[in-house]
Amino acid sequence: MSTRALLSFVAVAAMLGGCASKGTLLLDQAPVAGATQIKCTSNTSVCRIKVTSTSAVQFEEIHLTRGVKDIDLVWDLPEGYVFCKQVISDGGVALKASNDGQFADMYSTDAPDGAVPSDKDCRKHGHFHWKAKNAVPRPAIGYGYNIYFYDKAGVGPFRIDPWIFDD
């Protein structure tokens, strides 16, 4: 291998390595002062969170009321977007860290109320459901999570990274 080829390889590797580390830092945001918030106060009605664009969500922080257990959370995508490209593991709403048992019944659905989907084809699912057990208060330590979704043509995934707090 010539010196010129070796130096070119090293330069390209250095550029790609720099891009990867910057991308990771850019996407994993911590909670910020002044973030838009919703307070989920009831287990008899659905707490709705609307995705408003490919890079924004209506509420950047979800706050669960202490003592209210089994809160249904439903994320709604804009018309023309779905939670998977081919199979359910393509997208959805997922915790950044492992689930400590505070969230259950996590699935994409075609039902606006968050019910179990009548159509199992996730390419038709514009809603995502979680059951927040809200059994352990964590007011200062939030749950980071990601929303992954596609447009109906399969472009994506788009990623948004908001927070949930058990107040």
N, C-alpha and C. Protein backbone atom coordinates (compact mmCIF):
# COMPACT_ATOMS: atom_id res chain seq x y z
N MET A 1 0.85 -1.17 0.00
CA MET A 1 0.00 0.00 0.00
C MET A 1 0.90 1.23 0.00
N SER A 2 0.58 2.18 -0.86
CA SER A 2 1.40 3.39 -0.96
C SER A 2 1.16 4.30 0.23
N THR A 3 2.08 5.19 0.47
CA THR A 3 1.96 6.16 1.56
C THR A 3 0.74 7.05 1.34
N ARG A 4 0.52 7.46 0.10
CA ARG A 4 -0.63 8.32 -0.23
C ARG A 4 -1.94 7.61 0.12
N ALA A 5 -2.08 6.35 -0.26
CA ALA A 5 -3.30 5.59 0.02
C ALA A 5 -3.49 5.42 1.52
N LEU A 6 -2.41 5.13 2.23
CA LEU A 6 -2.49 4.96 3.69
C LEU A 6 -2.93 6.25 4.37
N LEU A 7 -2.35 7.37 3.95
CA LEU A 7 -2.74 8.67 4.54
C LEU A 7 -4.20 9.01 4.22
N SER A 8 -4.65 8.70 3.02
CA SER A 8 -6.05 8.94 2.65
C SER A 8 -6.98 8.12 3.53
N PHE A 9 -6.64 6.84 3.75
CA PHE A 9 -7.44 5.97 4.61
C PHE A 9 -7.53 6.53 6.03
N VAL A 10 -6.40 6.95 6.58
CA VAL A 10 -6.36 7.51 7.93
C VAL A 10 -7.20 8.78 8.01
N ALA A 11 -7.13 9.65 7.00
CA ALA A 11 -7.91 10.90 7.00
C ALA A 11 -9.40 10.62 6.97
N VAL A 12 -9.83 9.68 6.13
CA VAL A 12 -11.25 9.33 6.05
C VAL A 12 -11.72 8.72 7.37
N ALA A 13 -10.95 7.83 7.95
CA ALA A 13 -11.31 7.21 9.23
C ALA A 13 -11.45 8.26 10.32
N ALA A 14 -10.55 9.22 10.36
CA ALA A 14 -10.62 10.29 11.37
C ALA A 14 -11.86 11.13 11.18
N MET A 15 -12.22 11.45 9.93
CA MET A 15 -13.43 12.25 9.67
C MET A 15 -14.67 11.49 10.10
N LEU A 16 -14.76 10.21 9.75
CA LEU A 16 -15.94 9.42 10.13
C LEU A 16 -16.04 9.26 11.63
N GLY A 17 -14.94 9.05 12.29
CA GLY A 17 -14.96 8.94 13.75
C GLY A 17 -15.44 10.22 14.40
N GLY A 18 -15.04 11.36 13.88
CA GLY A 18 -15.49 12.65 14.40
C GLY A 18 -16.98 12.85 14.20
N CYS A 19 -17.51 12.42 13.08
CA CYS A 19 -18.95 12.57 12.82
C CYS A 19 -19.76 11.74 13.78
N ALA A 20 -19.35 10.53 14.04
CA ALA A 20 -20.12 9.66 14.92
C ALA A 20 -20.21 10.22 16.33
N SER A 21 -19.12 10.71 16.87
CA SER A 21 -19.16 11.19 18.24
C SER A 21 -19.97 12.48 18.35
N LYS A 22 -19.90 13.35 17.36
CA LYS A 22 -20.70 14.57 17.41
C LYS A 22 -22.18 14.25 17.31
N GLY A 23 -22.56 13.27 16.48
CA GLY A 23 -23.97 12.89 16.34
C GLY A 23 -24.55 12.41 17.66
N THR A 24 -23.82 11.60 18.37
CA THR A 24 -24.31 11.08 19.64
C THR A 24 -24.52 12.21 20.65
N LEU A 25 -23.60 13.14 20.73
CA LEU A 25 -23.73 14.24 21.67
C LEU A 25 -24.91 15.13 21.32
N LEU A 26 -25.16 15.33 20.05
CA LEU A 26 -26.24 16.20 19.60
C LEU A 26 -27.61 15.61 19.91
N LEU A 27 -27.78 14.31 19.79
CA LEU A 27 -29.10 13.70 19.90
C LEU A 27 -29.55 13.42 21.32
N ASP A 28 -28.66 13.20 22.25
CA ASP A 28 -29.05 12.83 23.60
C ASP A 28 -29.07 14.07 24.49
N GLN A 29 -30.20 14.72 24.51
CA GLN A 29 -30.35 15.97 25.25
C GLN A 29 -30.84 15.72 26.67
N ALA A 30 -30.35 16.49 27.61
CA ALA A 30 -30.82 16.46 28.99
C ALA A 30 -32.05 17.35 29.10
N PRO A 31 -32.85 17.18 30.17
CA PRO A 31 -33.99 18.09 30.36
C PRO A 31 -33.50 19.53 30.47
N VAL A 32 -34.29 20.45 29.96
CA VAL A 32 -33.89 21.85 29.98
C VAL A 32 -34.93 22.70 30.70
N ALA A 33 -34.47 23.77 31.32
CA ALA A 33 -35.39 24.71 31.96
C ALA A 33 -36.29 25.30 30.89
N GLY A 34 -37.57 25.45 31.21
CA GLY A 34 -38.52 26.03 30.27
C GLY A 34 -39.07 25.04 29.26
N ALA A 35 -38.80 23.75 29.44
CA ALA A 35 -39.33 22.74 28.52
C ALA A 35 -40.85 22.72 28.60
N THR A 36 -41.51 22.45 27.49
CA THR A 36 -42.96 22.31 27.51
C THR A 36 -43.32 21.06 28.30
N GLN A 37 -44.38 21.15 29.11
CA GLN A 37 -44.73 20.05 30.03
C GLN A 37 -46.21 19.73 29.99
N ILE A 38 -46.51 18.47 30.28
CA ILE A 38 -47.88 18.04 30.52
C ILE A 38 -47.88 17.32 31.86
N LYS A 39 -48.91 17.55 32.65
CA LYS A 39 -49.07 16.88 33.93
C LYS A 39 -50.18 15.85 33.76
N CYS A 40 -49.85 14.58 33.88
CA CYS A 40 -50.82 13.50 33.75
C CYS A 40 -51.37 13.20 35.15
N THR A 41 -52.63 13.50 35.36
CA THR A 41 -53.21 13.49 36.70
C THR A 41 -54.27 12.43 36.92
N SER A 42 -54.59 11.63 35.91
CA SER A 42 -55.72 10.72 36.04
C SER A 42 -55.41 9.36 35.43
N ASN A 43 -55.95 8.31 36.01
CA ASN A 43 -55.85 6.99 35.40
C ASN A 43 -57.19 6.59 34.77
N THR A 44 -58.12 7.54 34.66
CA THR A 44 -59.40 7.25 34.01
C THR A 44 -59.49 7.87 32.62
N SER A 45 -58.52 8.68 32.24
CA SER A 45 -58.47 9.22 30.88
C SER A 45 -57.04 9.12 30.36
N VAL A 46 -56.93 9.09 29.05
CA VAL A 46 -55.64 8.93 28.39
C VAL A 46 -54.86 10.25 28.45
N CYS A 47 -53.59 10.16 28.75
CA CYS A 47 -52.69 11.32 28.70
C CYS A 47 -52.07 11.31 27.31
N ARG A 48 -52.40 12.30 26.48
CA ARG A 48 -52.00 12.34 25.08
C ARG A 48 -50.80 13.24 24.86
N ILE A 49 -49.87 12.76 24.03
CA ILE A 49 -48.69 13.51 23.66
C ILE A 49 -48.62 13.52 22.14
N LYS A 50 -48.70 14.68 21.53
CA LYS A 50 -48.68 14.79 20.08
C LYS A 50 -47.27 15.07 19.57
N VAL A 51 -46.85 14.29 18.59
CA VAL A 51 -45.64 14.59 17.85
C VAL A 51 -46.05 15.64 16.82
N THR A 52 -45.40 16.78 16.82
CA THR A 52 -45.84 17.89 15.97
C THR A 52 -45.05 18.03 14.67
N SER A 53 -43.88 17.42 14.60
CA SER A 53 -43.07 17.45 13.38
C SER A 53 -42.05 16.32 13.47
N THR A 54 -41.16 16.23 12.50
CA THR A 54 -40.14 15.17 12.54
C THR A 54 -39.06 15.44 13.57
N SER A 55 -39.12 16.60 14.23
CA SER A 55 -38.10 16.90 15.23
C SER A 55 -38.67 17.49 16.52
N ALA A 56 -39.99 17.50 16.68
CA ALA A 56 -40.57 18.13 17.87
C ALA A 56 -41.79 17.37 18.36
N VAL A 57 -41.99 17.49 19.66
CA VAL A 57 -43.14 16.89 20.32
C VAL A 57 -43.85 17.99 21.10
N GLN A 58 -45.16 17.87 21.24
CA GLN A 58 -45.94 18.90 21.91
C GLN A 58 -45.44 19.18 23.32
N PHE A 59 -45.10 18.13 24.05
CA PHE A 59 -44.62 18.27 25.42
C PHE A 59 -43.26 17.57 25.53
N GLU A 60 -42.23 18.33 25.90
CA GLU A 60 -40.88 17.77 26.03
C GLU A 60 -40.71 17.01 27.33
N GLU A 61 -41.60 17.27 28.30
CA GLU A 61 -41.56 16.55 29.57
C GLU A 61 -42.98 16.10 29.93
N ILE A 62 -43.08 14.85 30.34
CA ILE A 62 -44.32 14.31 30.87
C ILE A 62 -44.12 14.17 32.37
N HIS A 63 -45.03 14.71 33.17
CA HIS A 63 -44.96 14.59 34.63
C HIS A 63 -46.16 13.79 35.11
N LEU A 64 -45.88 12.68 35.79
CA LEU A 64 -46.92 11.80 36.32
C LEU A 64 -47.21 12.20 37.76
N THR A 65 -48.47 12.39 38.10
CA THR A 65 -48.86 12.82 39.44
C THR A 65 -48.61 11.71 40.44
N ARG A 66 -47.91 12.06 41.52
CA ARG A 66 -47.60 11.10 42.57
C ARG A 66 -48.89 10.51 43.14
N GLY A 67 -48.90 9.21 43.33
CA GLY A 67 -50.05 8.52 43.91
C GLY A 67 -51.08 8.04 42.90
N VAL A 68 -51.02 8.54 41.66
CA VAL A 68 -51.94 8.10 40.62
C VAL A 68 -51.24 7.00 39.83
N LYS A 69 -51.74 5.79 39.94
CA LYS A 69 -51.10 4.64 39.32
C LYS A 69 -51.80 4.24 38.02
N ASP A 70 -51.09 3.51 37.20
CA ASP A 70 -51.63 2.95 35.95
C ASP A 70 -52.19 4.02 35.02
N ILE A 71 -51.35 4.97 34.67
CA ILE A 71 -51.73 6.05 33.76
C ILE A 71 -51.46 5.61 32.33
N ASP A 72 -52.48 5.72 31.46
CA ASP A 72 -52.31 5.40 30.05
C ASP A 72 -51.71 6.60 29.33
N LEU A 73 -50.57 6.38 28.69
CA LEU A 73 -49.92 7.40 27.87
C LEU A 73 -50.07 6.99 26.41
N VAL A 74 -50.45 7.94 25.55
CA VAL A 74 -50.56 7.65 24.12
C VAL A 74 -49.90 8.78 23.35
N TRP A 75 -48.94 8.38 22.50
CA TRP A 75 -48.28 9.32 21.60
C TRP A 75 -48.99 9.26 20.26
N ASP A 76 -49.27 10.42 19.67
CA ASP A 76 -49.96 10.51 18.38
C ASP A 76 -49.02 11.14 17.35
N LEU A 77 -48.86 10.44 16.22
CA LEU A 77 -48.06 10.99 15.12
C LEU A 77 -48.94 11.84 14.21
N PRO A 78 -48.34 12.81 13.50
CA PRO A 78 -49.12 13.57 12.51
C PRO A 78 -49.57 12.65 11.38
N GLU A 79 -50.60 13.05 10.67
CA GLU A 79 -51.08 12.31 9.50
C GLU A 79 -49.92 12.09 8.54
N GLY A 80 -49.82 10.88 7.99
CA GLY A 80 -48.76 10.58 7.03
C GLY A 80 -47.52 9.94 7.64
N TYR A 81 -47.53 9.71 8.96
CA TYR A 81 -46.38 9.10 9.65
C TYR A 81 -46.84 7.86 10.40
N VAL A 82 -45.91 6.91 10.55
CA VAL A 82 -46.21 5.64 11.22
C VAL A 82 -45.04 5.24 12.11
N PHE A 83 -45.31 4.30 13.01
CA PHE A 83 -44.28 3.89 13.97
C PHE A 83 -43.35 2.79 13.48
N CYS A 84 -43.53 2.29 12.27
CA CYS A 84 -42.55 1.32 11.76
C CYS A 84 -42.47 1.39 10.25
N LYS A 85 -41.37 0.86 9.74
CA LYS A 85 -41.12 0.83 8.30
C LYS A 85 -41.56 -0.52 7.72
N GLN A 86 -41.17 -1.61 8.37
CA GLN A 86 -41.51 -2.96 7.93
C GLN A 86 -42.03 -3.82 9.08
N VAL A 87 -41.28 -3.81 10.20
CA VAL A 87 -41.64 -4.63 11.36
C VAL A 87 -41.65 -3.75 12.60
N ILE A 88 -42.33 -4.16 13.64
CA ILE A 88 -42.52 -3.34 14.83
C ILE A 88 -41.21 -2.90 15.47
N SER A 89 -40.16 -3.69 15.35
CA SER A 89 -38.88 -3.31 15.97
C SER A 89 -38.19 -2.16 15.23
N ASP A 90 -38.73 -1.73 14.08
CA ASP A 90 -38.17 -0.60 13.34
C ASP A 90 -38.31 0.72 14.09
N GLY A 91 -39.35 0.87 14.87
CA GLY A 91 -39.62 2.16 15.49
C GLY A 91 -40.43 2.01 16.76
N GLY A 92 -40.97 3.13 17.23
CA GLY A 92 -41.80 3.10 18.43
C GLY A 92 -41.34 4.11 19.45
N VAL A 93 -41.79 3.90 20.68
CA VAL A 93 -41.42 4.74 21.81
C VAL A 93 -40.70 3.83 22.79
N ALA A 94 -39.44 4.15 23.10
CA ALA A 94 -38.62 3.25 23.90
C ALA A 94 -37.81 4.01 24.94
N LEU A 95 -37.68 3.42 26.12
CA LEU A 95 -36.82 4.00 27.15
C LEU A 95 -35.37 3.95 26.68
N LYS A 96 -34.59 4.95 27.07
CA LYS A 96 -33.17 4.94 26.74
C LYS A 96 -32.41 3.94 27.61
N ALA A 97 -32.84 3.76 28.85
CA ALA A 97 -32.21 2.80 29.77
C ALA A 97 -33.17 1.61 29.92
N SER A 98 -32.74 0.60 30.63
CA SER A 98 -33.60 -0.57 30.82
C SER A 98 -34.83 -0.20 31.65
N ASN A 99 -35.91 -0.90 31.41
CA ASN A 99 -37.17 -0.67 32.11
C ASN A 99 -37.05 -1.22 33.52
N ASP A 100 -37.29 -0.38 34.51
CA ASP A 100 -37.21 -0.80 35.91
C ASP A 100 -38.56 -1.29 36.43
N GLY A 101 -39.47 -1.60 35.53
CA GLY A 101 -40.77 -2.12 35.93
C GLY A 101 -41.84 -1.05 36.07
N GLN A 102 -41.50 0.20 35.80
CA GLN A 102 -42.47 1.28 35.96
C GLN A 102 -43.35 1.50 34.71
N PHE A 103 -43.03 0.82 33.62
CA PHE A 103 -43.80 0.97 32.39
C PHE A 103 -44.13 -0.41 31.83
N ALA A 104 -45.36 -0.57 31.34
CA ALA A 104 -45.82 -1.85 30.80
C ALA A 104 -46.73 -1.58 29.61
N ASP A 105 -47.21 -2.64 28.99
CA ASP A 105 -48.17 -2.55 27.88
C ASP A 105 -47.70 -1.52 26.84
N MET A 106 -46.49 -1.72 26.34
CA MET A 106 -45.88 -0.80 25.38
C MET A 106 -46.05 -1.39 23.98
N TYR A 107 -46.87 -0.72 23.14
CA TYR A 107 -47.13 -1.23 21.80
C TYR A 107 -47.62 -0.12 20.88
N SER A 108 -47.37 -0.30 19.57
CA SER A 108 -47.95 0.61 18.58
C SER A 108 -49.36 0.15 18.30
N THR A 109 -50.19 1.09 17.84
CA THR A 109 -51.59 0.75 17.61
C THR A 109 -52.19 1.64 16.52
N ASP A 110 -53.26 1.14 15.92
CA ASP A 110 -54.04 1.94 14.98
C ASP A 110 -55.19 2.63 15.69
N ALA A 111 -55.37 2.35 16.98
CA ALA A 111 -56.49 2.89 17.75
C ALA A 111 -56.11 4.22 18.42
N PRO A 112 -56.80 5.31 18.10
CA PRO A 112 -56.47 6.60 18.71
C PRO A 112 -56.57 6.63 20.24
N ASP A 113 -57.38 5.74 20.81
CA ASP A 113 -57.51 5.71 22.28
C ASP A 113 -56.43 4.87 22.95
N GLY A 114 -55.53 4.28 22.15
CA GLY A 114 -54.43 3.49 22.70
C GLY A 114 -54.78 2.03 22.94
N ALA A 115 -55.95 1.61 22.50
CA ALA A 115 -56.35 0.22 22.68
C ALA A 115 -55.43 -0.71 21.88
N VAL A 116 -55.44 -1.98 22.23
CA VAL A 116 -54.67 -2.99 21.49
C VAL A 116 -55.08 -2.91 20.02
N PRO A 117 -54.12 -2.96 19.09
CA PRO A 117 -54.45 -2.74 17.68
C PRO A 117 -55.37 -3.81 17.10
N SER A 118 -56.33 -3.35 16.29
CA SER A 118 -57.19 -4.29 15.57
C SER A 118 -56.47 -4.80 14.33
N ASP A 119 -55.62 -3.98 13.75
CA ASP A 119 -54.83 -4.34 12.58
C ASP A 119 -53.38 -4.49 13.04
N LYS A 120 -52.81 -5.65 12.90
CA LYS A 120 -51.45 -5.93 13.39
C LYS A 120 -50.36 -5.36 12.49
N ASP A 121 -50.70 -4.80 11.34
CA ASP A 121 -49.71 -4.22 10.43
C ASP A 121 -49.23 -2.89 11.00
N CYS A 122 -48.04 -2.88 11.56
CA CYS A 122 -47.53 -1.67 12.23
C CYS A 122 -47.30 -0.52 11.27
N ARG A 123 -47.29 -0.78 9.97
CA ARG A 123 -47.14 0.30 8.99
C ARG A 123 -48.40 1.16 8.92
N LYS A 124 -49.43 0.76 9.64
CA LYS A 124 -50.69 1.52 9.71
C LYS A 124 -50.88 2.15 11.08
N HIS A 125 -49.89 2.03 11.96
CA HIS A 125 -50.03 2.49 13.34
C HIS A 125 -49.47 3.90 13.52
N GLY A 126 -50.35 4.83 13.85
CA GLY A 126 -49.94 6.21 14.09
C GLY A 126 -50.00 6.60 15.56
N HIS A 127 -50.17 5.61 16.44
CA HIS A 127 -50.27 5.87 17.88
C HIS A 127 -49.40 4.85 18.61
N PHE A 128 -48.93 5.22 19.79
CA PHE A 128 -48.13 4.30 20.61
C PHE A 128 -48.60 4.40 22.05
N HIS A 129 -48.80 3.26 22.71
CA HIS A 129 -49.35 3.20 24.06
C HIS A 129 -48.32 2.71 25.07
N TRP A 130 -48.33 3.31 26.26
CA TRP A 130 -47.61 2.80 27.44
C TRP A 130 -48.55 2.88 28.62
N LYS A 131 -48.40 1.96 29.54
CA LYS A 131 -49.06 2.05 30.85
C LYS A 131 -47.97 2.45 31.84
N ALA A 132 -48.13 3.63 32.45
CA ALA A 132 -47.17 4.10 33.46
C ALA A 132 -47.68 3.65 34.82
N LYS A 133 -46.94 2.73 35.44
CA LYS A 133 -47.36 2.22 36.76
C LYS A 133 -47.25 3.29 37.83
N ASN A 134 -46.26 4.16 37.71
CA ASN A 134 -46.10 5.31 38.61
C ASN A 134 -46.08 4.87 40.08
N ALA A 135 -45.35 3.83 40.37
CA ALA A 135 -45.31 3.28 41.74
C ALA A 135 -44.10 3.76 42.54
N VAL A 136 -43.09 4.31 41.87
CA VAL A 136 -41.88 4.75 42.55
C VAL A 136 -41.64 6.22 42.22
N PRO A 137 -41.73 7.13 43.21
CA PRO A 137 -41.47 8.55 42.93
C PRO A 137 -40.02 8.77 42.52
N ARG A 138 -39.84 9.52 41.44
CA ARG A 138 -38.50 9.89 40.95
C ARG A 138 -38.54 11.32 40.44
N PRO A 139 -38.87 12.29 41.28
CA PRO A 139 -39.05 13.66 40.78
C PRO A 139 -37.80 14.29 40.21
N ALA A 140 -36.64 13.96 40.70
CA ALA A 140 -35.41 14.59 40.22
C ALA A 140 -34.68 13.74 39.18
N ILE A 141 -35.09 12.49 39.04
CA ILE A 141 -34.41 11.58 38.12
C ILE A 141 -35.42 11.11 37.09
N GLY A 142 -35.38 11.72 35.92
CA GLY A 142 -36.36 11.38 34.90
C GLY A 142 -35.99 10.14 34.11
N TYR A 143 -36.94 9.72 33.32
CA TYR A 143 -36.73 8.63 32.38
C TYR A 143 -36.56 9.24 31.00
N GLY A 144 -35.38 9.13 30.43
CA GLY A 144 -35.18 9.55 29.05
C GLY A 144 -35.79 8.49 28.14
N TYR A 145 -36.42 8.93 27.08
CA TYR A 145 -36.96 7.98 26.13
C TYR A 145 -36.83 8.54 24.72
N ASN A 146 -36.96 7.67 23.74
CA ASN A 146 -36.87 8.06 22.33
C ASN A 146 -38.17 7.73 21.61
N ILE A 147 -38.52 8.58 20.67
CA ILE A 147 -39.63 8.32 19.76
C ILE A 147 -39.01 8.13 18.38
N TYR A 148 -39.22 6.94 17.79
CA TYR A 148 -38.71 6.64 16.45
C TYR A 148 -39.90 6.42 15.53
N PHE A 149 -39.89 7.08 14.36
CA PHE A 149 -41.00 6.91 13.44
C PHE A 149 -40.57 7.23 12.01
N TYR A 150 -41.44 6.92 11.04
CA TYR A 150 -41.17 7.04 9.61
C TYR A 150 -42.33 7.76 8.94
N ASP A 151 -42.06 8.30 7.74
CA ASP A 151 -43.21 8.73 6.95
C ASP A 151 -43.72 7.49 6.22
N LYS A 152 -44.90 7.58 5.64
CA LYS A 152 -45.52 6.38 5.04
C LYS A 152 -44.76 5.86 3.83
N ALA A 153 -43.86 6.67 3.27
CA ALA A 153 -43.02 6.21 2.16
C ALA A 153 -41.81 5.43 2.67
N GLY A 154 -41.63 5.38 4.00
CA GLY A 154 -40.51 4.65 4.58
C GLY A 154 -39.30 5.49 4.88
N VAL A 155 -39.39 6.81 4.68
CA VAL A 155 -38.26 7.69 4.98
C VAL A 155 -38.14 7.84 6.49
N GLY A 156 -36.94 7.74 6.99
CA GLY A 156 -36.69 7.84 8.42
C GLY A 156 -35.65 6.81 8.80
N PRO A 157 -35.47 6.51 10.04
CA PRO A 157 -36.33 6.93 11.14
C PRO A 157 -36.03 8.37 11.58
N PHE A 158 -37.08 9.02 12.04
CA PHE A 158 -36.96 10.30 12.70
C PHE A 158 -36.87 10.00 14.19
N ARG A 159 -36.14 10.83 14.93
CA ARG A 159 -35.92 10.55 16.36
C ARG A 159 -36.11 11.81 17.18
N ILE A 160 -36.88 11.69 18.25
CA ILE A 160 -37.09 12.77 19.22
C ILE A 160 -36.80 12.18 20.59
N ASP A 161 -36.18 12.96 21.50
CA ASP A 161 -35.80 12.38 22.80
C ASP A 161 -36.26 13.22 23.99
N PRO A 162 -37.54 13.10 24.37
CA PRO A 162 -38.08 13.82 25.54
C PRO A 162 -37.88 13.05 26.86
N TRP A 163 -38.59 13.47 27.92
CA TRP A 163 -38.42 12.92 29.26
C TRP A 163 -39.75 12.65 29.95
N ILE A 164 -39.74 11.69 30.89
CA ILE A 164 -40.88 11.40 31.77
C ILE A 164 -40.37 11.48 33.22
N PHE A 165 -41.19 12.11 34.10
CA PHE A 165 -40.85 12.21 35.52
C PHE A 165 -41.99 11.67 36.35
N ASP A 166 -41.67 10.82 37.33
CA ASP A 166 -42.64 10.36 38.33
C ASP A 166 -42.56 11.35 39.49
N ASP A 167 -43.45 12.33 39.50
CA ASP A 167 -43.44 13.33 40.57
C ASP A 167 -44.11 12.76 41.79
